[in-house]
PDB file of N, CA and C in Angstrom:
ATOM      1  N   MET A   1      71.723  73.820 117.087  1.00  0.00           N
ATOM      2  CA  MET A   1      72.938  73.184 118.692  1.00  0.00           C
ATOM      3  C   MET A   1      72.806  75.334 119.237  1.00  0.00           C
ATOM      4  N   SER A   2      73.046  75.329 119.833  1.00  0.00           N
ATOM      5  CA  SER A   2      73.422  76.896 120.550  1.00  0.00           C
ATOM      6  C   SER A   2      74.723  76.417 121.842  1.00  0.00           C
ATOM      7  N   TYR A   3      75.652  77.593 121.665  1.00  0.00           N
ATOM      8  CA  TYR A   3      76.158  77.963 123.225  1.00  0.00           C
ATOM      9  C   TYR A   3      76.323  79.062 123.961  1.00  0.00           C
ATOM     10  N   VAL A   4      76.423  79.011 125.029  1.00  0.00           N
ATOM     11  CA  VAL A   4      76.395  80.225 125.212  1.00  0.00           C
ATOM     12  C   VAL A   4      77.727  80.174 126.605  1.00  0.00           C
ATOM     13  N   ALA A   5      78.889  81.130 126.514  1.00  0.00           N
ATOM     14  CA  ALA A   5      80.247  80.967 127.003  1.00  0.00           C
ATOM     15  C   ALA A   5      80.426  82.068 127.433  1.00  0.00           C
ATOM     16  N   SER A   6      81.614  81.973 128.780  1.00  0.00           N
ATOM     17  CA  SER A   6      81.902  82.846 129.402  1.00  0.00           C
ATOM     18  C   SER A   6      82.996  82.620 129.558  1.00  0.00           C
ATOM     19  N   SER A   7      83.901  83.893 130.297  1.00  0.00           N
ATOM     20  CA  SER A   7      85.236  83.466 130.486  1.00  0.00           C
ATOM     21  C   SER A   7      85.162  82.760 132.026  1.00  0.00           C
ATOM     22  N   ASN A   8      84.327  82.737 132.597  1.00  0.00           N
ATOM     23  CA  ASN A   8      84.096  81.922 133.375  1.00  0.00           C
ATOM     24  C   ASN A   8      84.023  80.129 133.389  1.00  0.00           C
ATOM     25  N   THR A   9      83.415  80.219 132.626  1.00  0.00           N
ATOM     26  CA  THR A   9      82.851  78.816 132.246  1.00  0.00           C
ATOM     27  C   THR A   9      82.702  78.796 130.574  1.00  0.00           C
ATOM     28  N   PRO A  10      84.191  77.967 130.316  1.00  0.00           N
ATOM     29  CA  PRO A  10      84.071  77.820 128.814  1.00  0.00           C
ATOM     30  C   PRO A  10      83.218  76.537 129.022  1.00  0.00           C
ATOM     31  N   LEU A  11      83.459  76.346 127.195  1.00  0.00           N
ATOM     32  CA  LEU A  11      82.068  75.137 127.167  1.00  0.00           C
ATOM     33  C   LEU A  11      82.319  74.347 126.324  1.00  0.00           C
ATOM     34  N   THR A  12      82.471  72.737 126.726  1.00  0.00           N
ATOM     35  CA  THR A  12      82.862  71.879 125.545  1.00  0.00           C
ATOM     36  C   THR A  12      81.489  70.750 125.098  1.00  0.00           C
ATOM     37  N   LEU A  13      80.923  70.725 124.033  1.00  0.00           N
ATOM     38  CA  LEU A  13      80.360  69.829 123.985  1.00  0.00           C
ATOM     39  C   LEU A  13      80.636  68.501 122.827  1.00  0.00           C
ATOM     40  N   PHE A  14      80.404  67.156 123.546  1.00  0.00           N
ATOM     41  CA  PHE A  14      81.125  66.050 122.530  1.00  0.00           C
ATOM     42  C   PHE A  14      80.215  65.367 122.432  1.00  0.00           C
ATOM     43  N   GLN A  15      80.116  64.775 120.846  1.00  0.00           N
ATOM     44  CA  GLN A  15      79.992  63.280 120.655  1.00  0.00           C
ATOM     45  C   GLN A  15      80.784  61.852 120.518  1.00  0.00           C
ATOM     46  N   SER A  16      80.281  61.215 120.936  1.00  0.00           N
ATOM     47  CA  SER A  16      81.291  60.103 120.463  1.00  0.00           C
ATOM     48  C   SER A  16      80.570  59.327 119.809  1.00  0.00           C
ATOM     49  N   VAL A  17      81.236  58.677 118.645  1.00  0.00           N
ATOM     50  CA  VAL A  17      81.217  58.447 117.543  1.00  0.00           C
ATOM     51  C   VAL A  17      82.025  56.966 116.796  1.00  0.00           C
ATOM     52  N   THR A  18      80.905  56.095 116.652  1.00  0.00           N
ATOM     53  CA  THR A  18      81.476  54.427 116.320  1.00  0.00           C
ATOM     54  C   THR A  18      81.571  54.107 114.581  1.00  0.00           C
ATOM     55  N   GLY A  19      82.054  53.447 114.416  1.00  0.00           N
ATOM     56  CA  GLY A  19      81.987  52.778 112.796  1.00  0.00           C
ATOM     57  C   GLY A  19      82.708  53.949 111.599  1.00  0.00           C
ATOM     58  N   PHE A  20      83.716  54.613 112.356  1.00  0.00           N
ATOM     59  CA  PHE A  20      84.282  55.346 111.304  1.00  0.00           C
ATOM     60  C   PHE A  20      85.590  54.304 110.210  1.00  0.00           C
ATOM     61  N   ASP A  21      85.464  54.244 109.208  1.00  0.00           N
ATOM     62  CA  ASP A  21      86.740  53.931 108.285  1.00  0.00           C
ATOM     63  C   ASP A  21      87.749  54.192 108.581  1.00  0.00           C
ATOM     64  N   THR A  22      89.246  53.392 108.982  1.00  0.00           N
ATOM     65  CA  THR A  22      90.137  54.009 109.587  1.00  0.00           C
ATOM     66  C   THR A  22      90.967  54.544 108.025  1.00  0.00           C
ATOM     67  N   THR A  23      90.382  54.537 107.018  1.00  0.00           N
ATOM     68  CA  THR A  23      91.068  54.524 105.595  1.00  0.00           C
ATOM     69  C   THR A  23      90.600  55.446 104.893  1.00  0.00           C
ATOM     70  N   ARG A  24      89.854  56.444 105.191  1.00  0.00           N
ATOM     71  CA  ARG A  24      89.419  57.143 104.525  1.00  0.00           C
ATOM     72  C   ARG A  24      89.433  58.618 105.857  1.00  0.00           C
ATOM     73  N   PRO A  25      89.612  60.141 104.829  1.00  0.00           N
ATOM     74  CA  PRO A  25      89.557  61.007 105.696  1.00  0.00           C
ATOM     75  C   PRO A  25      87.902  61.425 105.820  1.00  0.00           C
ATOM     76  N   TYR A  26      87.886  62.077 106.670  1.00  0.00           N
ATOM     77  CA  TYR A  26      86.507  62.758 107.475  1.00  0.00           C
ATOM     78  C   TYR A  26      86.764  64.386 107.063  1.00  0.00           C
ATOM     79  N   ILE A  27      85.300  64.995 106.664  1.00  0.00           N
ATOM     80  CA  ILE A  27      85.272  66.505 107.725  1.00  0.00           C
ATOM     81  C   ILE A  27      84.045  66.609 107.908  1.00  0.00           C
ATOM     82  N   ILE A  28      83.751  67.454 108.735  1.00  0.00           N
ATOM     83  CA  ILE A  28      82.658  68.276 109.132  1.00  0.00           C
ATOM     84  C   ILE A  28      82.706  69.276 108.792  1.00  0.00           C
ATOM     85  N   SER A  29      81.132  69.691 108.821  1.00  0.00           N
ATOM     86  CA  SER A  29      80.497  70.845 107.619  1.00  0.00           C
ATOM     87  C   SER A  29      79.260  71.422 108.752  1.00  0.00           C
ATOM     88  N   PHE A  30      79.466  72.901 108.720  1.00  0.00           N
ATOM     89  CA  PHE A  30      78.309  73.642 109.526  1.00  0.00           C
ATOM     90  C   PHE A  30      78.439  74.912 109.616  1.00  0.00           C
ATOM     91  N   TYR A  31      77.334  75.557 109.752  1.00  0.00           N
ATOM     92  CA  TYR A  31      76.938  76.925 110.102  1.00  0.00           C
ATOM     93  C   TYR A  31      77.192  77.459 111.361  1.00  0.00           C
ATOM     94  N   LEU A  32      77.430  79.029 110.980  1.00  0.00           N
ATOM     95  CA  LEU A  32      77.358  79.602 112.915  1.00  0.00           C
ATOM     96  C   LEU A  32      77.281  81.083 113.040  1.00  0.00           C
ATOM     97  N   ASN A  33      76.509  81.377 113.915  1.00  0.00           N
ATOM     98  CA  ASN A  33      76.244  82.707 114.027  1.00  0.00           C
ATOM     99  C   ASN A  33      76.420  83.065 115.005  1.00  0.00           C
ATOM    100  N   LEU A  34      77.200  84.199 115.193  1.00  0.00           N
ATOM    101  CA  LEU A  34      77.879  84.677 116.644  1.00  0.00           C
ATOM    102  C   LEU A  34      76.350  86.132 117.051  1.00  0.00           C
ATOM    103  N   TYR A  35      75.773  85.347 117.960  1.00  0.00           N
ATOM    104  CA  TYR A  35      74.351  85.895 118.107  1.00  0.00           C
ATOM    105  C   TYR A  35      74.696  86.897 119.122  1.00  0.00           C
ATOM    106  N   SER A  36      75.617  86.953 119.956  1.00  0.00           N
ATOM    107  CA  SER A  36      76.142  88.127 120.355  1.00  0.00           C
ATOM    108  C   SER A  36      77.643  87.836 121.331  1.00  0.00           C
ATOM    109  N   LEU A  37      77.972  89.031 121.974  1.00  0.00           N
ATOM    110  CA  LEU A  37      79.279  89.068 122.632  1.00  0.00           C
ATOM    111  C   LEU A  37      79.114  90.369 123.237  1.00  0.00           C
ATOM    112  N   SER A  38      79.531  89.866 124.678  1.00  0.00           N
ATOM    113  CA  SER A  38      79.521  91.141 125.777  1.00  0.00           C
ATOM    114  C   SER A  38      80.900  90.829 126.553  1.00  0.00           C
ATOM    115  N   GLN A  39      81.570  92.234 126.030  1.00  0.00           N
ATOM    116  CA  GLN A  39      82.863  92.655 127.088  1.00  0.00           C
ATOM    117  C   GLN A  39      83.695  91.595 127.039  1.00  0.00           C
ATOM    118  N   ALA A  40      83.713  91.139 125.627  1.00  0.00           N
ATOM    119  CA  ALA A  40      84.276  90.354 125.602  1.00  0.00           C
ATOM    120  C   ALA A  40      85.745  90.667 124.094  1.00  0.00           C
ATOM    121  N   ARG A  41      86.886  90.521 124.285  1.00  0.00           N
ATOM    122  CA  ARG A  41      87.638  90.882 123.450  1.00  0.00           C
ATOM    123  C   ARG A  41      87.675  90.242 122.136  1.00  0.00           C
ATOM    124  N   SER A  42      87.626  88.449 122.452  1.00  0.00           N
ATOM    125  CA  SER A  42      87.255  87.930 121.060  1.00  0.00           C
ATOM    126  C   SER A  42      87.151  86.296 122.020  1.00  0.00           C
ATOM    127  N   CYS A  43      85.857  85.325 121.303  1.00  0.00           N
ATOM    128  CA  CYS A  43      85.961  83.954 121.435  1.00  0.00           C
ATOM    129  C   CYS A  43      86.423  83.306 120.500  1.00  0.00           C
ATOM    130  N   THR A  44      86.890  82.039 121.201  1.00  0.00           N
ATOM    131  CA  THR A  44      87.653  81.318 119.806  1.00  0.00           C
ATOM    132  C   THR A  44      86.692  79.843 119.851  1.00  0.00           C
ATOM    133  N   LEU A  45      85.967  79.243 118.825  1.00  0.00           N
ATOM    134  CA  LEU A  45      85.678  78.462 118.504  1.00  0.00           C
ATOM    135  C   LEU A  45      86.628  77.005 117.933  1.00  0.00           C
ATOM    136  N   LYS A  46      86.582  75.595 118.671  1.00  0.00           N
ATOM    137  CA  LYS A  46      87.715  74.616 118.239  1.00  0.00           C
ATOM    138  C   LYS A  46      86.100  73.361 117.834  1.00  0.00           C
ATOM    139  N   VAL A  47      87.371  72.541 116.982  1.00  0.00           N
ATOM    140  CA  VAL A  47      86.502  71.632 116.712  1.00  0.00           C
ATOM    141  C   VAL A  47      87.842  70.681 116.838  1.00  0.00           C
ATOM    142  N   LEU A  48      87.682  69.131 117.668  1.00  0.00           N
ATOM    143  CA  LEU A  48      88.032  68.202 117.682  1.00  0.00           C
ATOM    144  C   LEU A  48      87.657  66.664 117.268  1.00  0.00           C
ATOM    145  N   PHE A  49      88.786  66.585 116.299  1.00  0.00           N
ATOM    146  CA  PHE A  49      87.819  64.577 115.970  1.00  0.00           C
ATOM    147  C   PHE A  49      89.259  64.031 116.617  1.00  0.00           C
ATOM    148  N   GLY A  50      88.996  63.563 117.738  1.00  0.00           N
ATOM    149  CA  GLY A  50      89.874  62.881 118.888  1.00  0.00           C
ATOM    150  C   GLY A  50      90.599  63.618 119.284  1.00  0.00           C
ATOM    151  N   ASP A  51      92.107  63.756 118.974  1.00  0.00           N
ATOM    152  CA  ASP A  51      92.527  64.583 119.821  1.00  0.00           C
ATOM    153  C   ASP A  51      93.071  65.490 118.742  1.00  0.00           C
ATOM    154  N   VAL A  52      92.812  65.683 117.602  1.00  0.00           N
ATOM    155  CA  VAL A  52      93.528  66.340 116.996  1.00  0.00           C
ATOM    156  C   VAL A  52      92.667  67.796 116.277  1.00  0.00           C
ATOM    157  N   GLU A  53      93.248  69.136 116.644  1.00  0.00           N
ATOM    158  CA  GLU A  53      92.245  70.057 116.637  1.00  0.00           C
ATOM    159  C   GLU A  53      92.355  70.149 114.727  1.00  0.00           C
ATOM    160  N   VAL A  54      90.767  69.998 114.821  1.00  0.00           N
ATOM    161  CA  VAL A  54      90.604  70.159 112.703  1.00  0.00           C
ATOM    162  C   VAL A  54      89.763  71.352 112.713  1.00  0.00           C
ATOM    163  N   TYR A  55      89.871  72.179 113.292  1.00  0.00           N
ATOM    164  CA  TYR A  55      88.967  73.639 113.209  1.00  0.00           C
ATOM    165  C   TYR A  55      89.143  74.766 114.157  1.00  0.00           C
ATOM    166  N   THR A  56      89.746  75.811 113.938  1.00  0.00           N
ATOM    167  CA  THR A  56      89.808  76.836 114.654  1.00  0.00           C
ATOM    168  C   THR A  56      89.503  78.482 114.015  1.00  0.00           C
ATOM    169  N   ARG A  57      88.647  79.171 115.055  1.00  0.00           N
ATOM    170  CA  ARG A  57      87.621  80.306 114.455  1.00  0.00           C
ATOM    171  C   ARG A  57      87.823  81.405 115.699  1.00  0.00           C
ATOM    172  N   VAL A  58      88.663  82.212 115.458  1.00  0.00           N
ATOM    173  CA  VAL A  58      88.363  83.338 117.114  1.00  0.00           C
ATOM    174  C   VAL A  58      87.286  84.480 116.021  1.00  0.00           C
ATOM    175  N   LEU A  59      86.371  84.623 117.081  1.00  0.00           N
ATOM    176  CA  LEU A  59      85.401  85.748 116.645  1.00  0.00           C
ATOM    177  C   LEU A  59      85.412  86.306 117.796  1.00  0.00           C
ATOM    178  N   THR A  60      85.323  87.759 116.902  1.00  0.00           N
ATOM    179  CA  THR A  60      84.897  89.235 117.845  1.00  0.00           C
ATOM    180  C   THR A  60      83.810  90.019 117.329  1.00  0.00           C
ATOM    181  N   ALA A  61      83.787  91.642 117.737  1.00  0.00           N
ATOM    182  CA  ALA A  61      83.095  92.502 117.313  1.00  0.00           C
ATOM    183  C   ALA A  61      83.373  92.605 115.505  1.00  0.00           C
ATOM    184  N   ALA A  62      84.363  92.629 115.188  1.00  0.00           N
ATOM    185  CA  ALA A  62      84.112  92.698 113.326  1.00  0.00           C
ATOM    186  C   ALA A  62      83.139  91.365 112.997  1.00  0.00           C
ATOM    187  N   ASP A  63      82.825  90.287 113.662  1.00  0.00           N
ATOM    188  CA  ASP A  63      82.039  89.565 112.516  1.00  0.00           C
ATOM    189  C   ASP A  63      80.769  89.601 112.888  1.00  0.00           C
ATOM    190  N   GLY A  64      80.662  90.885 113.526  1.00  0.00           N
ATOM    191  CA  GLY A  64      79.324  91.416 113.640  1.00  0.00           C
ATOM    192  C   GLY A  64      77.961  90.570 114.211  1.00  0.00           C
ATOM    193  N   PRO A  65      78.154  90.494 115.174  1.00  0.00           N
ATOM    194  CA  PRO A  65      77.233  89.652 116.653  1.00  0.00           C
ATOM    195  C   PRO A  65      75.766  90.319 116.480  1.00  0.00           C
ATOM    196  N   ARG A  66      75.037  89.336 115.873  1.00  0.00           N
ATOM    197  CA  ARG A  66      73.392  89.698 115.608  1.00  0.00           C
ATOM    198  C   ARG A  66      72.739  88.487 115.489  1.00  0.00           C
ATOM    199  N   VAL A  67      71.706  88.994 115.247  1.00  0.00           N
ATOM    200  CA  VAL A  67      70.195  87.872 115.061  1.00  0.00           C
ATOM    201  C   VAL A  67      70.401  87.637 113.878  1.00  0.00           C
ATOM    202  N   GLN A  68      70.513  85.945 113.075  1.00  0.00           N
ATOM    203  CA  GLN A  68      70.625  85.708 111.737  1.00  0.00           C
ATOM    204  C   GLN A  68      71.276  86.467 110.163  1.00  0.00           C
ATOM    205  N   ASN A  69      72.493  86.225 111.322  1.00  0.00           N
ATOM    206  CA  ASN A  69      74.226  86.615 110.503  1.00  0.00           C
ATOM    207  C   ASN A  69      75.094  85.166 110.604  1.00  0.00           C
ATOM    208  N   TRP A  70      74.457  84.339 109.944  1.00  0.00           N
ATOM    209  CA  TRP A  70      74.749  83.285 109.511  1.00  0.00           C
ATOM    210  C   TRP A  70      76.226  83.352 108.480  1.00  0.00           C
ATOM    211  N   LYS A  71      77.294  82.847 109.432  1.00  0.00           N
ATOM    212  CA  LYS A  71      78.084  81.786 108.124  1.00  0.00           C
ATOM    213  C   LYS A  71      78.702  80.793 107.913  1.00  0.00           C
ATOM    214  N   GLY A  72      78.906  80.583 106.639  1.00  0.00           N
ATOM    215  CA  GLY A  72      79.136  79.165 106.104  1.00  0.00           C
ATOM    216  C   GLY A  72      78.699  79.061 104.743  1.00  0.00           C
ATOM    217  N   PRO A  73      78.724  77.147 104.865  1.00  0.00           N
ATOM    218  CA  PRO A  73      79.239  76.706 105.812  1.00  0.00           C
ATOM    219  C   PRO A  73      80.695  76.338 106.008  1.00  0.00           C
ATOM    220  N   GLU A  74      80.907  76.383 106.741  1.00  0.00           N
ATOM    221  CA  GLU A  74      82.433  76.303 107.838  1.00  0.00           C
ATOM    222  C   GLU A  74      82.848  74.772 107.350  1.00  0.00           C
ATOM    223  N   THR A  75      83.840  74.254 107.261  1.00  0.00           N
ATOM    224  CA  THR A  75      84.150  73.170 106.960  1.00  0.00           C
ATOM    225  C   THR A  75      85.893  72.604 107.893  1.00  0.00           C
ATOM    226  N   THR A  76      86.256  71.659 108.236  1.00  0.00           N
ATOM    227  CA  THR A  76      87.082  71.866 109.162  1.00  0.00           C
ATOM    228  C   THR A  76      88.108  70.862 107.967  1.00  0.00           C
ATOM    229  N   VAL A  77      89.306  70.985 108.525  1.00  0.00           N
ATOM    230  CA  VAL A  77      90.302  70.428 107.464  1.00  0.00           C
ATOM    231  C   VAL A  77      90.107  68.487 107.373  1.00  0.00           C
ATOM    232  N   PRO A  78      90.645  67.436 106.522  1.00  0.00           N
ATOM    233  CA  PRO A  78      89.933  66.503 106.738  1.00  0.00           C
ATOM    234  C   PRO A  78      90.817  65.682 107.875  1.00  0.00           C
ATOM    235  N   VAL A  79      90.636  64.695 108.480  1.00  0.00           N
ATOM    236  CA  VAL A  79      91.106  63.946 109.086  1.00  0.00           C
ATOM    237  C   VAL A  79      91.265  62.746 108.589  1.00  0.00           C
ATOM    238  N   ILE A  80      92.002  61.614 108.979  1.00  0.00           N
ATOM    239  CA  ILE A  80      91.764  59.860 109.044  1.00  0.00           C
ATOM    240  C   ILE A  80      91.987  59.678 110.490  1.00  0.00           C
ATOM    241  N   PRO A  81      90.733  59.393 111.030  1.00  0.00           N
ATOM    242  CA  PRO A  81      90.303  58.845 112.212  1.00  0.00           C
ATOM    243  C   PRO A  81      91.319  57.874 112.528  1.00  0.00           C
ATOM    244  N   THR A  82      91.962  57.703 113.439  1.00  0.00           N
ATOM    245  CA  THR A  82      92.802  56.543 114.021  1.00  0.00           C
ATOM    246  C   THR A  82      92.373  55.536 114.489  1.00  0.00           C
ATOM    247  N   SER A  83      90.718  55.186 114.693  1.00  0.00           N
ATOM    248  CA  SER A  83      90.232  54.004 115.297  1.00  0.00           C
ATOM    249  C   SER A  83      88.792  54.282 114.643  1.00  0.00           C
ATOM    250  N   PRO A  84      88.009  53.162 114.993  1.00  0.00           N
ATOM    251  CA  PRO A  84      86.570  53.468 114.563  1.00  0.00           C
ATOM    252  C   PRO A  84      86.175  54.242 115.290  1.00  0.00           C
ATOM    253  N   ASP A  85      86.409  54.318 116.698  1.00  0.00           N
ATOM    254  CA  ASP A  85      85.238  54.643 117.761  1.00  0.00           C
ATOM    255  C   ASP A  85      86.115  56.361 117.796  1.00  0.00           C
ATOM    256  N   GLN A  86      85.324  57.859 117.692  1.00  0.00           N
ATOM    257  CA  GLN A  86      86.202  58.792 117.953  1.00  0.00           C
ATOM    258  C   GLN A  86      85.326  59.671 118.857  1.00  0.00           C
ATOM    259  N   THR A  87      85.719  60.320 119.272  1.00  0.00           N
ATOM    260  CA  THR A  87      84.936  61.658 119.749  1.00  0.00           C
ATOM    261  C   THR A  87      85.125  62.820 119.521  1.00  0.00           C
ATOM    262  N   VAL A  88      84.139  63.693 119.255  1.00  0.00           N
ATOM    263  CA  VAL A  88      84.409  65.029 118.330  1.00  0.00           C
ATOM    264  C   VAL A  88      83.197  65.889 118.863  1.00  0.00           C
ATOM    265  N   LYS A  89      84.589  67.196 119.776  1.00  0.00           N
ATOM    266  CA  LYS A  89      84.627  67.934 120.296  1.00  0.00           C
ATOM    267  C   LYS A  89      84.212  69.643 119.539  1.00  0.00           C
ATOM    268  N   PHE A  90      83.583  70.404 120.368  1.00  0.00           N
ATOM    269  CA  PHE A  90      83.457  71.652 120.140  1.00  0.00           C
ATOM    270  C   PHE A  90      83.296  72.127 121.124  1.00  0.00           C
ATOM    271  N   ALA A  91      84.523  72.995 120.963  1.00  0.00           N
ATOM    272  CA  ALA A  91      84.948  73.870 122.436  1.00  0.00           C
ATOM    273  C   ALA A  91      84.570  75.540 122.121  1.00  0.00           C
ATOM    274  N   TYR A  92      84.340  76.049 122.737  1.00  0.00           N
ATOM    275  CA  TYR A  92      84.095  77.521 123.014  1.00  0.00           C
ATOM    276  C   TYR A  92      84.514  78.284 124.403  1.00  0.00           C
ATOM    277  N   ASP A  93      85.198  79.473 123.966  1.00  0.00           N
ATOM    278  CA  ASP A  93      86.043  79.807 125.194  1.00  0.00           C
ATOM    279  C   ASP A  93      85.966  81.744 124.753  1.00  0.00           C
ATOM    280  N   CYS A  94      85.945  82.348 125.859  1.00  0.00           N
ATOM    281  CA  CYS A  94      85.883  84.098 125.295  1.00  0.00           C
ATOM    282  C   CYS A  94      86.795  84.436 126.409  1.00  0.00           C
ATOM    283  N   ILE A  95      87.551  85.644 125.926  1.00  0.00           N
ATOM    284  CA  ILE A  95      88.493  86.370 127.027  1.00  0.00           C
ATOM    285  C   ILE A  95      87.836  87.539 127.172  1.00  0.00           C
ATOM    286  N   PRO A  96      88.017  87.786 128.246  1.00  0.00           N
ATOM    287  CA  PRO A  96      87.448  89.646 128.281  1.00  0.00           C
ATOM    288  C   PRO A  96      88.204  90.365 128.163  1.00  0.00           C
ATOM    289  N   THR A  97      87.670  91.493 127.734  1.00  0.00           N
ATOM    290  CA  THR A  97      88.132  92.783 127.697  1.00  0.00           C
ATOM    291  C   THR A  97      89.011  93.624 129.174  1.00  0.00           C
ATOM    292  N   GLY A  98      88.514  93.186 129.955  1.00  0.00           N
ATOM    293  CA  GLY A  98      89.124  93.806 131.038  1.00  0.00           C
ATOM    294  C   GLY A  98      89.013  92.993 132.305  1.00  0.00           C
ATOM    295  N   THR A  99      88.471  93.404 133.588  1.00  0.00           N
ATOM    296  CA  THR A  99      88.612  91.940 134.656  1.00  0.00           C
ATOM    297  C   THR A  99      87.320  91.548 134.716  1.00  0.00           C
ATOM    298  N   GLY A 100      86.312  91.952 134.377  1.00  0.00           N
ATOM    299  CA  GLY A 100      84.875  91.629 134.227  1.00  0.00           C
ATOM    300  C   GLY A 100      84.887  90.882 133.553  1.00  0.00           C
ATOM    301  N   SER A 101      83.539  89.922 133.863  1.00  0.00           N
ATOM    302  CA  SER A 101      83.401  88.281 132.660  1.00  0.00           C
ATOM    303  C   SER A 101      82.891  88.700 131.477  1.00  0.00           C
ATOM    304  N   ALA A 102      83.598  88.145 130.916  1.00  0.00           N
ATOM    305  CA  ALA A 102      82.526  88.045 129.255  1.00  0.00           C
ATOM    306  C   ALA A 102      82.208  87.124 128.817  1.00  0.00           C
ATOM    307  N   SER A 103      80.812  86.979 128.050  1.00  0.00           N
ATOM    308  CA  SER A 103      79.962  86.136 127.609  1.00  0.00           C
ATOM    309  C   SER A 103      79.850  86.228 126.078  1.00  0.00           C
ATOM    310  N   SER A 104      79.141  85.214 125.478  1.00  0.00           N
ATOM    311  CA  SER A 104      78.436  85.410 124.332  1.00  0.00           C
ATOM    312  C   SER A 104      78.208  83.974 124.248  1.00  0.00           C
ATOM    313  N   ALA A 105      77.036  84.236 122.913  1.00  0.00           N
ATOM    314  CA  ALA A 105      75.749  83.009 122.430  1.00  0.00           C
ATOM    315  C   ALA A 105      76.460  82.504 120.755  1.00  0.00           C
ATOM    316  N   LEU A 106      76.866  81.370 120.616  1.00  0.00           N
ATOM    317  CA  LEU A 106      76.643  81.229 119.545  1.00  0.00           C
ATOM    318  C   LEU A 106      76.065  79.948 119.024  1.00  0.00           C
ATOM    319  N   PHE A 107      75.492  79.995 117.860  1.00  0.00           N
ATOM    320  CA  PHE A 107      74.349  79.225 117.142  1.00  0.00           C
ATOM    321  C   PHE A 107      75.033  78.146 116.337  1.00  0.00           C
ATOM    322  N   LEU A 108      75.173  77.435 116.090  1.00  0.00           N
ATOM    323  CA  LEU A 108      75.255  76.144 114.727  1.00  0.00           C
ATOM    324  C   LEU A 108      74.212  75.315 114.699  1.00  0.00           C
ATOM    325  N   ASP A 109      74.500  75.376 113.229  1.00  0.00           N
ATOM    326  CA  ASP A 109      73.384  74.793 112.505  1.00  0.00           C
ATOM    327  C   ASP A 109      74.027  73.876 111.362  1.00  0.00           C
ATOM    328  N   ASP A 110      73.234  73.039 110.870  1.00  0.00           N
ATOM    329  CA  ASP A 110      73.293  71.615 109.636  1.00  0.00           C
ATOM    330  C   ASP A 110      74.838  70.931 110.286  1.00  0.00           C
ATOM    331  N   VAL A 111      75.308  71.151 111.190  1.00  0.00           N
ATOM    332  CA  VAL A 111      76.264  70.445 111.447  1.00  0.00           C
ATOM    333  C   VAL A 111      76.465  68.643 111.206  1.00  0.00           C
ATOM    334  N   SER A 112      77.518  68.340 110.187  1.00  0.00           N
ATOM    335  CA  SER A 112      77.544  67.335 109.311  1.00  0.00           C
ATOM    336  C   SER A 112      78.840  66.528 109.091  1.00  0.00           C
ATOM    337  N   MET A 113      78.759  65.442 109.253  1.00  0.00           N
ATOM    338  CA  MET A 113      80.234  64.540 108.614  1.00  0.00           C
ATOM    339  C   MET A 113      80.069  63.758 107.867  1.00  0.00           C
ATOM    340  N   ALA A 114      81.430  63.720 107.184  1.00  0.00           N
ATOM    341  CA  ALA A 114      81.185  62.690 105.626  1.00  0.00           C
ATOM    342  C   ALA A 114      82.843  62.263 105.362  1.00  0.00           C
ATOM    343  N   SER A 115      82.686  60.936 104.973  1.00  0.00           N
ATOM    344  CA  SER A 115      83.964  60.861 104.199  1.00  0.00           C
ATOM    345  C   SER A 115      84.205  61.498 102.936  1.00  0.00           C
ATOM    346  N   ILE A 116      85.705  62.182 102.436  1.00  0.00           N
ATOM    347  CA  ILE A 116      86.079  62.497 100.969  1.00  0.00           C
ATOM    348  C   ILE A 116      86.463  61.456 100.336  1.00  0.00           C
TER     349      ILE A 116
END
């Protein structure tokens, strides 16, 4: 799964999932690779489970944007679903360094969900 975001068009990817056990907590795990970062002060990746933000990571040039710079596994905080049907969202947005547009490419891999 790959994301390409800019300051003009933040990106949100979502997936509806059914059949959750509302008595058990769930986590989402994944690896990420900040492939590129151009004219961006920072970019923020957020993961939401329903309406609950379960993960936030701010990415900057200090994270070493380049090919094959995988980080992880990243894991969200556990959350107990409020209903058996939920939407999982990955949102990615960039803040420009100046007046121009910022852009970034982010890759996600081995995205999985498990009850704990």
